[in-house]
Amino acid sequence: MMRSTAVTKNVQKAGRPPKFDEPRRPVTVTLPERTIQQLARVHPDRARAIALLAENAAGAPERAAHGVELVRFAPDSALILVGKSPTLAGIDGLRLVEVIPDRYLLVVPSGASAESLELALHDALNELPADADPGERAILEELARLMGHGRRQSAMSKGELLIIAL
């Protein structure tokens, strides 16, 4: 009697199911005990904690694609984060505050309207040279689109941050 050793593709290999839905490989690393405890506060699974922290620090690939990201902080509210943009940094009255590497929170002074920022964005886009960095143009266009939509839907508001002068 001869046994078949062929395995069909539909049969899952023995062992645990994969943690990530993309190519992966095992990595051995020695960490200080304090770091291991910190990872446990991020996620009980050490591999997931490391992946989450790496993505937050370096940025997810989809963030880099367009440079504008909505970060939910309440069930019906999100903050706007943008990638590095010299044009945005040059808009009068707008400050970009780096909250994680290469991700910036838009900060406007009290009394400034979101509509005035939207207008400044359109002006900046109109003045952007034709040979400007496509990523820079994409950030400005996406932000202008997002703010215009928020204004038209009455779905945009400003909040206040606590800032301490140093």
N, C-alpha and C. Protein backbone atom coordinates (compact mmCIF):
# COMPACT_ATOMS: atom_id res chain seq x y z
N MET A 1 0.84 -1.16 0.00
CA MET A 1 0.00 0.00 0.00
C MET A 1 0.90 1.24 0.00
N MET A 2 0.62 2.16 -0.91
CA MET A 2 1.43 3.37 -1.02
C MET A 2 0.64 4.56 -0.52
N ARG A 3 1.26 5.37 0.33
CA ARG A 3 0.60 6.56 0.86
C ARG A 3 1.01 7.79 0.06
N SER A 4 0.07 8.67 -0.12
CA SER A 4 0.37 9.92 -0.83
C SER A 4 0.95 10.93 0.15
N THR A 5 2.03 11.56 -0.25
CA THR A 5 2.64 12.58 0.62
C THR A 5 2.29 13.98 0.12
N ALA A 6 1.48 14.08 -0.92
CA ALA A 6 1.10 15.40 -1.44
C ALA A 6 0.18 16.09 -0.44
N VAL A 7 0.38 17.38 -0.30
CA VAL A 7 -0.45 18.19 0.59
C VAL A 7 -1.13 19.25 -0.25
N THR A 8 -2.43 19.37 -0.09
CA THR A 8 -3.14 20.39 -0.86
C THR A 8 -2.89 21.76 -0.25
N LYS A 9 -3.09 22.79 -1.07
CA LYS A 9 -2.85 24.15 -0.62
C LYS A 9 -3.88 24.61 0.42
N ASN A 10 -5.02 23.98 0.45
CA ASN A 10 -6.08 24.40 1.36
C ASN A 10 -5.85 23.94 2.79
N VAL A 11 -4.94 23.02 2.99
CA VAL A 11 -4.69 22.48 4.32
C VAL A 11 -3.74 23.42 5.06
N GLN A 12 -4.16 23.88 6.24
CA GLN A 12 -3.32 24.77 7.04
C GLN A 12 -2.25 23.94 7.73
N LYS A 13 -1.05 24.48 7.79
CA LYS A 13 0.03 23.79 8.49
C LYS A 13 -0.29 23.75 9.97
N ALA A 14 0.29 22.80 10.65
CA ALA A 14 0.09 22.68 12.09
C ALA A 14 0.71 23.88 12.79
N GLY A 15 0.21 24.19 13.96
CA GLY A 15 0.76 25.31 14.73
C GLY A 15 -0.24 26.43 14.84
N ARG A 16 0.24 27.52 15.40
CA ARG A 16 -0.62 28.67 15.60
C ARG A 16 -0.94 29.38 14.29
N PRO A 17 -2.10 30.01 14.21
CA PRO A 17 -2.41 30.80 13.01
C PRO A 17 -1.51 32.04 12.96
N PRO A 18 -1.26 32.57 11.79
CA PRO A 18 -0.39 33.73 11.69
C PRO A 18 -1.00 34.96 12.37
N LYS A 19 -0.14 35.78 12.98
CA LYS A 19 -0.59 36.99 13.68
C LYS A 19 -0.81 38.15 12.71
N PHE A 20 -0.11 38.13 11.59
CA PHE A 20 -0.14 39.25 10.66
C PHE A 20 -0.52 38.76 9.27
N ASP A 21 -1.25 39.57 8.53
CA ASP A 21 -1.72 39.21 7.19
C ASP A 21 -0.78 39.73 6.11
N GLU A 22 0.50 39.58 6.33
CA GLU A 22 1.49 40.01 5.35
C GLU A 22 2.74 39.18 5.58
N PRO A 23 3.71 39.24 4.68
CA PRO A 23 4.92 38.44 4.89
C PRO A 23 5.56 38.75 6.25
N ARG A 24 6.08 37.72 6.88
CA ARG A 24 6.65 37.88 8.22
C ARG A 24 7.78 36.88 8.40
N ARG A 25 8.59 37.12 9.41
CA ARG A 25 9.67 36.18 9.74
C ARG A 25 10.01 36.33 11.20
N PRO A 26 10.51 35.26 11.81
CA PRO A 26 10.87 35.35 13.23
C PRO A 26 12.14 36.18 13.41
N VAL A 27 12.18 36.93 14.50
CA VAL A 27 13.34 37.74 14.85
C VAL A 27 13.59 37.56 16.34
N THR A 28 14.81 37.32 16.70
CA THR A 28 15.17 37.19 18.11
C THR A 28 15.86 38.47 18.53
N VAL A 29 15.43 39.01 19.64
CA VAL A 29 16.01 40.27 20.12
C VAL A 29 16.10 40.21 21.64
N THR A 30 17.16 40.77 22.18
CA THR A 30 17.31 40.86 23.63
C THR A 30 16.96 42.27 24.05
N LEU A 31 16.03 42.39 24.99
CA LEU A 31 15.55 43.70 25.44
C LEU A 31 15.72 43.84 26.95
N PRO A 32 15.88 45.07 27.41
CA PRO A 32 15.89 45.29 28.86
C PRO A 32 14.53 44.91 29.46
N GLU A 33 14.52 44.46 30.67
CA GLU A 33 13.28 44.07 31.35
C GLU A 33 12.28 45.23 31.37
N ARG A 34 12.78 46.44 31.56
CA ARG A 34 11.91 47.62 31.58
C ARG A 34 11.18 47.78 30.25
N THR A 35 11.88 47.55 29.14
CA THR A 35 11.27 47.65 27.81
C THR A 35 10.22 46.57 27.62
N ILE A 36 10.48 45.38 28.10
CA ILE A 36 9.50 44.29 28.00
C ILE A 36 8.23 44.65 28.77
N GLN A 37 8.37 45.26 29.92
CA GLN A 37 7.21 45.71 30.69
C GLN A 37 6.45 46.81 29.95
N GLN A 38 7.18 47.71 29.31
CA GLN A 38 6.53 48.77 28.54
C GLN A 38 5.76 48.19 27.35
N LEU A 39 6.34 47.21 26.70
CA LEU A 39 5.65 46.56 25.58
C LEU A 39 4.36 45.90 26.05
N ALA A 40 4.36 45.32 27.23
CA ALA A 40 3.16 44.67 27.77
C ALA A 40 2.04 45.69 27.99
N ARG A 41 2.39 46.94 28.25
CA ARG A 41 1.37 47.99 28.43
C ARG A 41 0.77 48.41 27.09
N VAL A 42 1.52 48.21 26.01
CA VAL A 42 1.01 48.55 24.67
C VAL A 42 0.08 47.46 24.17
N HIS A 43 0.51 46.20 24.29
CA HIS A 43 -0.30 45.06 23.85
C HIS A 43 0.22 43.82 24.58
N PRO A 44 -0.68 42.93 25.00
CA PRO A 44 -0.22 41.74 25.70
C PRO A 44 0.66 40.82 24.84
N ASP A 45 0.47 40.86 23.52
CA ASP A 45 1.30 40.08 22.62
C ASP A 45 2.50 40.94 22.22
N ARG A 46 3.69 40.47 22.57
CA ARG A 46 4.91 41.27 22.36
C ARG A 46 5.14 41.60 20.89
N ALA A 47 4.89 40.68 19.99
CA ALA A 47 5.09 40.94 18.56
C ALA A 47 4.15 42.03 18.07
N ARG A 48 2.90 41.97 18.51
CA ARG A 48 1.94 43.00 18.11
C ARG A 48 2.31 44.35 18.70
N ALA A 49 2.80 44.37 19.92
CA ALA A 49 3.22 45.62 20.56
C ALA A 49 4.35 46.26 19.77
N ILE A 50 5.33 45.45 19.39
CA ILE A 50 6.46 45.97 18.62
C ILE A 50 5.98 46.49 17.27
N ALA A 51 5.10 45.74 16.59
CA ALA A 51 4.59 46.16 15.29
C ALA A 51 3.80 47.47 15.40
N LEU A 52 2.96 47.59 16.43
CA LEU A 52 2.19 48.82 16.64
C LEU A 52 3.10 50.01 16.86
N LEU A 53 4.09 49.83 17.73
CA LEU A 53 5.01 50.93 18.02
C LEU A 53 5.84 51.32 16.80
N ALA A 54 6.28 50.34 16.03
CA ALA A 54 7.05 50.63 14.83
C ALA A 54 6.21 51.40 13.82
N GLU A 55 4.96 50.98 13.65
CA GLU A 55 4.08 51.67 12.71
C GLU A 55 3.80 53.09 13.16
N ASN A 56 3.59 53.29 14.46
CA ASN A 56 3.35 54.64 14.97
C ASN A 56 4.58 55.53 14.84
N ALA A 57 5.74 54.95 15.04
CA ALA A 57 6.97 55.74 14.98
C ALA A 57 7.38 56.03 13.54
N ALA A 58 7.35 55.02 12.69
CA ALA A 58 7.84 55.19 11.32
C ALA A 58 6.73 55.56 10.35
N GLY A 59 5.50 55.29 10.70
CA GLY A 59 4.38 55.59 9.83
C GLY A 59 3.97 54.38 9.01
N ALA A 60 2.69 54.24 8.87
CA ALA A 60 2.16 53.15 8.05
C ALA A 60 2.35 53.51 6.58
N PRO A 61 2.51 52.52 5.70
CA PRO A 61 2.71 52.81 4.28
C PRO A 61 1.58 53.66 3.69
N GLU A 62 0.34 53.43 4.13
CA GLU A 62 -0.77 54.21 3.58
C GLU A 62 -0.71 55.67 4.00
N ARG A 63 -0.06 55.96 5.13
CA ARG A 63 0.12 57.36 5.53
C ARG A 63 1.00 58.09 4.54
N ALA A 64 2.09 57.46 4.17
CA ALA A 64 3.04 58.10 3.27
C ALA A 64 2.43 58.34 1.90
N ALA A 65 1.42 57.54 1.53
CA ALA A 65 0.85 57.67 0.19
C ALA A 65 0.22 59.03 -0.04
N HIS A 66 -0.47 59.60 0.92
CA HIS A 66 -1.10 60.89 0.67
C HIS A 66 -0.78 61.93 1.73
N GLY A 67 -0.25 61.54 2.85
CA GLY A 67 0.23 62.51 3.82
C GLY A 67 -0.79 63.12 4.75
N VAL A 68 -2.07 62.82 4.59
CA VAL A 68 -3.11 63.36 5.47
C VAL A 68 -3.82 62.17 6.11
N GLU A 69 -3.98 62.26 7.43
CA GLU A 69 -4.57 61.13 8.16
C GLU A 69 -5.55 61.66 9.19
N LEU A 70 -6.66 60.96 9.34
CA LEU A 70 -7.62 61.26 10.41
C LEU A 70 -7.39 60.27 11.53
N VAL A 71 -7.19 60.79 12.73
CA VAL A 71 -6.96 59.94 13.90
C VAL A 71 -8.14 60.12 14.85
N ARG A 72 -8.93 59.07 14.98
CA ARG A 72 -10.14 59.12 15.82
C ARG A 72 -9.74 59.22 17.29
N PHE A 73 -10.38 60.15 18.02
CA PHE A 73 -10.15 60.26 19.46
C PHE A 73 -11.44 60.17 20.25
N ALA A 74 -12.57 60.14 19.58
CA ALA A 74 -13.88 59.95 20.19
C ALA A 74 -14.74 59.27 19.12
N PRO A 75 -15.88 58.70 19.50
CA PRO A 75 -16.69 57.97 18.51
C PRO A 75 -17.04 58.80 17.27
N ASP A 76 -17.20 60.10 17.42
CA ASP A 76 -17.61 60.92 16.29
C ASP A 76 -16.62 62.05 15.98
N SER A 77 -15.39 61.93 16.42
CA SER A 77 -14.42 63.01 16.21
C SER A 77 -13.04 62.45 15.88
N ALA A 78 -12.34 63.21 15.05
CA ALA A 78 -10.98 62.82 14.68
C ALA A 78 -10.12 64.07 14.53
N LEU A 79 -8.84 63.91 14.80
CA LEU A 79 -7.86 64.95 14.57
C LEU A 79 -7.26 64.76 13.19
N ILE A 80 -6.79 65.85 12.60
CA ILE A 80 -6.11 65.77 11.32
C ILE A 80 -4.61 65.79 11.59
N LEU A 81 -3.91 64.78 11.07
CA LEU A 81 -2.46 64.77 11.10
C LEU A 81 -1.97 64.85 9.66
N VAL A 82 -0.87 65.55 9.46
CA VAL A 82 -0.30 65.67 8.11
C VAL A 82 1.16 65.28 8.14
N GLY A 83 1.68 64.94 6.97
CA GLY A 83 3.10 64.69 6.83
C GLY A 83 3.85 66.01 6.74
N LYS A 84 5.15 65.92 6.66
CA LYS A 84 5.99 67.12 6.59
C LYS A 84 5.65 67.91 5.33
N SER A 85 5.45 69.20 5.49
CA SER A 85 5.07 70.05 4.37
C SER A 85 5.65 71.45 4.57
N PRO A 86 6.68 71.80 3.82
CA PRO A 86 7.23 73.16 3.91
C PRO A 86 6.20 74.24 3.58
N THR A 87 5.30 73.95 2.64
CA THR A 87 4.28 74.93 2.28
C THR A 87 3.34 75.19 3.44
N LEU A 88 2.85 74.12 4.09
CA LEU A 88 1.98 74.30 5.25
C LEU A 88 2.70 75.04 6.36
N ALA A 89 3.97 74.68 6.58
CA ALA A 89 4.75 75.33 7.63
C ALA A 89 4.91 76.82 7.36
N GLY A 90 4.81 77.22 6.10
CA GLY A 90 4.96 78.63 5.74
C GLY A 90 3.68 79.43 5.77
N ILE A 91 2.54 78.80 6.04
CA ILE A 91 1.26 79.54 6.09
C ILE A 91 1.22 80.35 7.38
N ASP A 92 0.99 81.64 7.22
CA ASP A 92 0.95 82.56 8.35
C ASP A 92 -0.14 82.16 9.35
N GLY A 93 0.22 82.05 10.61
CA GLY A 93 -0.74 81.73 11.66
C GLY A 93 -0.97 80.25 11.87
N LEU A 94 -0.36 79.39 11.05
CA LEU A 94 -0.51 77.95 11.20
C LEU A 94 0.78 77.38 11.77
N ARG A 95 0.65 76.57 12.79
CA ARG A 95 1.82 75.88 13.34
C ARG A 95 1.62 74.39 13.15
N LEU A 96 2.70 73.72 12.80
CA LEU A 96 2.69 72.27 12.70
C LEU A 96 3.43 71.74 13.91
N VAL A 97 2.75 70.95 14.71
CA VAL A 97 3.34 70.39 15.93
C VAL A 97 3.56 68.90 15.70
N GLU A 98 4.83 68.47 15.73
CA GLU A 98 5.17 67.08 15.50
C GLU A 98 4.74 66.25 16.72
N VAL A 99 3.82 65.31 16.50
CA VAL A 99 3.33 64.48 17.60
C VAL A 99 3.92 63.08 17.58
N ILE A 100 4.27 62.59 16.41
CA ILE A 100 5.07 61.38 16.23
C ILE A 100 5.98 61.68 15.05
N PRO A 101 7.04 60.92 14.86
CA PRO A 101 7.97 61.27 13.78
C PRO A 101 7.26 61.47 12.42
N ASP A 102 7.50 62.62 11.84
CA ASP A 102 6.96 63.01 10.53
C ASP A 102 5.44 63.07 10.47
N ARG A 103 4.77 63.22 11.60
CA ARG A 103 3.31 63.41 11.63
C ARG A 103 3.03 64.64 12.47
N TYR A 104 2.31 65.59 11.89
CA TYR A 104 2.12 66.90 12.49
C TYR A 104 0.65 67.21 12.72
N LEU A 105 0.39 67.79 13.87
CA LEU A 105 -0.93 68.29 14.23
C LEU A 105 -1.01 69.73 13.77
N LEU A 106 -2.14 70.13 13.19
CA LEU A 106 -2.33 71.51 12.75
C LEU A 106 -2.81 72.33 13.93
N VAL A 107 -2.13 73.42 14.23
CA VAL A 107 -2.51 74.28 15.34
C VAL A 107 -2.69 75.69 14.81
N VAL A 108 -3.89 76.23 15.02
CA VAL A 108 -4.17 77.62 14.63
C VAL A 108 -4.43 78.43 15.89
N PRO A 109 -4.06 79.70 15.88
CA PRO A 109 -4.25 80.51 17.08
C PRO A 109 -5.73 80.74 17.39
N SER A 110 -6.02 81.01 18.65
CA SER A 110 -7.39 81.34 19.04
C SER A 110 -7.86 82.52 18.21
N GLY A 111 -9.10 82.48 17.79
CA GLY A 111 -9.65 83.57 17.00
C GLY A 111 -9.53 83.36 15.51
N ALA A 112 -8.61 82.52 15.08
CA ALA A 112 -8.49 82.24 13.65
C ALA A 112 -9.55 81.22 13.26
N SER A 113 -10.16 81.42 12.11
CA SER A 113 -11.21 80.49 11.69
C SER A 113 -10.64 79.37 10.84
N ALA A 114 -11.33 78.24 10.88
CA ALA A 114 -10.93 77.12 10.03
C ALA A 114 -11.12 77.51 8.57
N GLU A 115 -12.11 78.35 8.30
CA GLU A 115 -12.36 78.80 6.92
C GLU A 115 -11.19 79.62 6.39
N SER A 116 -10.56 80.42 7.25
CA SER A 116 -9.40 81.21 6.80
C SER A 116 -8.23 80.29 6.48
N LEU A 117 -8.10 79.19 7.20
CA LEU A 117 -7.06 78.22 6.89
C LEU A 117 -7.36 77.54 5.56
N GLU A 118 -8.60 77.21 5.32
CA GLU A 118 -8.98 76.59 4.05
C GLU A 118 -8.65 77.54 2.88
N LEU A 119 -8.95 78.81 3.03
CA LEU A 119 -8.64 79.80 2.00
C LEU A 119 -7.13 79.90 1.79
N ALA A 120 -6.37 79.91 2.87
CA ALA A 120 -4.90 79.96 2.78
C ALA A 120 -4.36 78.72 2.06
N LEU A 121 -5.00 77.57 2.27
CA LEU A 121 -4.60 76.34 1.57
C LEU A 121 -4.80 76.48 0.07
N HIS A 122 -5.95 77.02 -0.32
CA HIS A 122 -6.22 77.20 -1.75
C HIS A 122 -5.24 78.20 -2.35
N ASP A 123 -4.95 79.27 -1.63
CA ASP A 123 -3.96 80.24 -2.11
C ASP A 123 -2.60 79.57 -2.28
N ALA A 124 -2.20 78.77 -1.30
CA ALA A 124 -0.90 78.08 -1.37
C ALA A 124 -0.86 77.12 -2.56
N LEU A 125 -1.96 76.42 -2.80
CA LEU A 125 -2.03 75.52 -3.95
C LEU A 125 -1.90 76.28 -5.26
N ASN A 126 -2.57 77.43 -5.36
CA ASN A 126 -2.51 78.24 -6.58
C ASN A 126 -1.11 78.80 -6.81
N GLU A 127 -0.36 79.04 -5.74
CA GLU A 127 0.98 79.61 -5.86
C GLU A 127 2.07 78.55 -5.94
N LEU A 128 1.71 77.29 -5.77
CA LEU A 128 2.69 76.21 -5.80
C LEU A 128 3.24 76.06 -7.23
N PRO A 129 4.56 76.05 -7.38
CA PRO A 129 5.12 75.91 -8.73
C PRO A 129 4.70 74.59 -9.38
N ALA A 130 4.62 74.59 -10.69
CA ALA A 130 4.21 73.39 -11.43
C ALA A 130 5.15 72.22 -11.18
N ASP A 131 6.43 72.52 -10.91
CA ASP A 131 7.41 71.44 -10.70
C ASP A 131 7.58 71.10 -9.22
N ALA A 132 6.63 71.51 -8.38
CA ALA A 132 6.71 71.23 -6.94
C ALA A 132 6.62 69.73 -6.69
N ASP A 133 7.11 69.31 -5.55
CA ASP A 133 7.07 67.91 -5.14
C ASP A 133 5.63 67.41 -5.19
N PRO A 134 5.37 66.31 -5.89
CA PRO A 134 4.00 65.77 -5.97
C PRO A 134 3.42 65.41 -4.59
N GLY A 135 4.28 64.95 -3.67
CA GLY A 135 3.80 64.64 -2.32
C GLY A 135 3.31 65.87 -1.59
N GLU A 136 4.01 66.98 -1.80
CA GLU A 136 3.61 68.26 -1.20
C GLU A 136 2.26 68.70 -1.74
N ARG A 137 2.12 68.62 -3.06
CA ARG A 137 0.84 68.99 -3.69
C ARG A 137 -0.28 68.08 -3.18
N ALA A 138 -0.01 66.78 -3.04
CA ALA A 138 -1.03 65.82 -2.59
C ALA A 138 -1.51 66.17 -1.18
N ILE A 139 -0.58 66.55 -0.30
CA ILE A 139 -0.96 66.93 1.07
C ILE A 139 -1.89 68.13 1.04
N LEU A 140 -1.51 69.16 0.30
CA LEU A 140 -2.32 70.38 0.24
C LEU A 140 -3.70 70.11 -0.37
N GLU A 141 -3.73 69.34 -1.46
CA GLU A 141 -5.01 69.03 -2.11
C GLU A 141 -5.93 68.22 -1.21
N GLU A 142 -5.37 67.18 -0.56
CA GLU A 142 -6.19 66.34 0.31
C GLU A 142 -6.70 67.13 1.52
N LEU A 143 -5.84 67.95 2.10
CA LEU A 143 -6.25 68.76 3.24
C LEU A 143 -7.33 69.77 2.84
N ALA A 144 -7.16 70.43 1.70
CA ALA A 144 -8.17 71.39 1.21
C ALA A 144 -9.49 70.68 0.94
N ARG A 145 -9.42 69.48 0.34
CA ARG A 145 -10.64 68.70 0.06
C ARG A 145 -11.34 68.32 1.36
N LEU A 146 -10.56 67.84 2.32
CA LEU A 146 -11.11 67.40 3.60
C LEU A 146 -11.75 68.58 4.35
N MET A 147 -11.06 69.71 4.38
CA MET A 147 -11.60 70.87 5.08
C MET A 147 -12.83 71.44 4.38
N GLY A 148 -12.81 71.45 3.04
CA GLY A 148 -13.98 71.92 2.28
C GLY A 148 -15.19 71.05 2.55
N HIS A 149 -14.97 69.75 2.55
CA HIS A 149 -16.07 68.82 2.84
C HIS A 149 -16.58 69.04 4.26
N GLY A 150 -15.68 69.16 5.22
CA GLY A 150 -16.08 69.41 6.60
C GLY A 150 -16.88 70.69 6.76
N ARG A 151 -16.46 71.74 6.06
CA ARG A 151 -17.18 73.02 6.13
C ARG A 151 -18.57 72.89 5.51
N ARG A 152 -18.66 72.28 4.34
CA ARG A 152 -19.96 72.16 3.65
C ARG A 152 -20.94 71.29 4.44
N GLN A 153 -20.42 70.29 5.15
CA GLN A 153 -21.28 69.39 5.93
C GLN A 153 -21.47 69.87 7.37
N SER A 154 -20.92 71.03 7.69
CA SER A 154 -20.92 71.54 9.07
C SER A 154 -20.37 70.48 10.02
N ALA A 155 -19.31 69.82 9.57
CA ALA A 155 -18.74 68.71 10.34
C ALA A 155 -17.32 69.03 10.79
N MET A 156 -16.98 70.31 10.82
CA MET A 156 -15.64 70.69 11.22
C MET A 156 -15.74 71.72 12.34
N SER A 157 -14.93 71.51 13.36
CA SER A 157 -14.89 72.48 14.45
C SER A 157 -13.46 72.58 14.95
N LYS A 158 -13.20 73.61 15.70
CA LYS A 158 -11.88 73.78 16.31
C LYS A 158 -11.98 73.42 17.77
N GLY A 159 -10.89 72.93 18.30
CA GLY A 159 -10.79 72.67 19.72
C GLY A 159 -9.60 73.46 20.24
N GLU A 160 -9.37 73.39 21.50
CA GLU A 160 -8.23 74.09 22.06
C GLU A 160 -7.27 73.12 22.70
N LEU A 161 -6.00 73.42 22.61
CA LEU A 161 -4.95 72.64 23.24
C LEU A 161 -4.40 73.42 24.41
N LEU A 162 -3.95 72.72 25.40
CA LEU A 162 -3.22 73.39 26.49
C LEU A 162 -1.78 73.49 26.07
N ILE A 163 -1.27 74.69 26.03
CA ILE A 163 0.11 74.92 25.62
C ILE A 163 0.81 75.68 26.74
N ILE A 164 1.98 75.21 27.09
CA ILE A 164 2.76 75.85 28.15
C ILE A 164 3.96 76.53 27.49
N ALA A 165 4.11 77.81 27.74
CA ALA A 165 5.26 78.55 27.18
C ALA A 165 6.52 78.15 27.94
N LEU A 166 7.60 77.92 27.21
CA LEU A 166 8.87 77.55 27.82
C LEU A 166 9.84 78.71 27.74
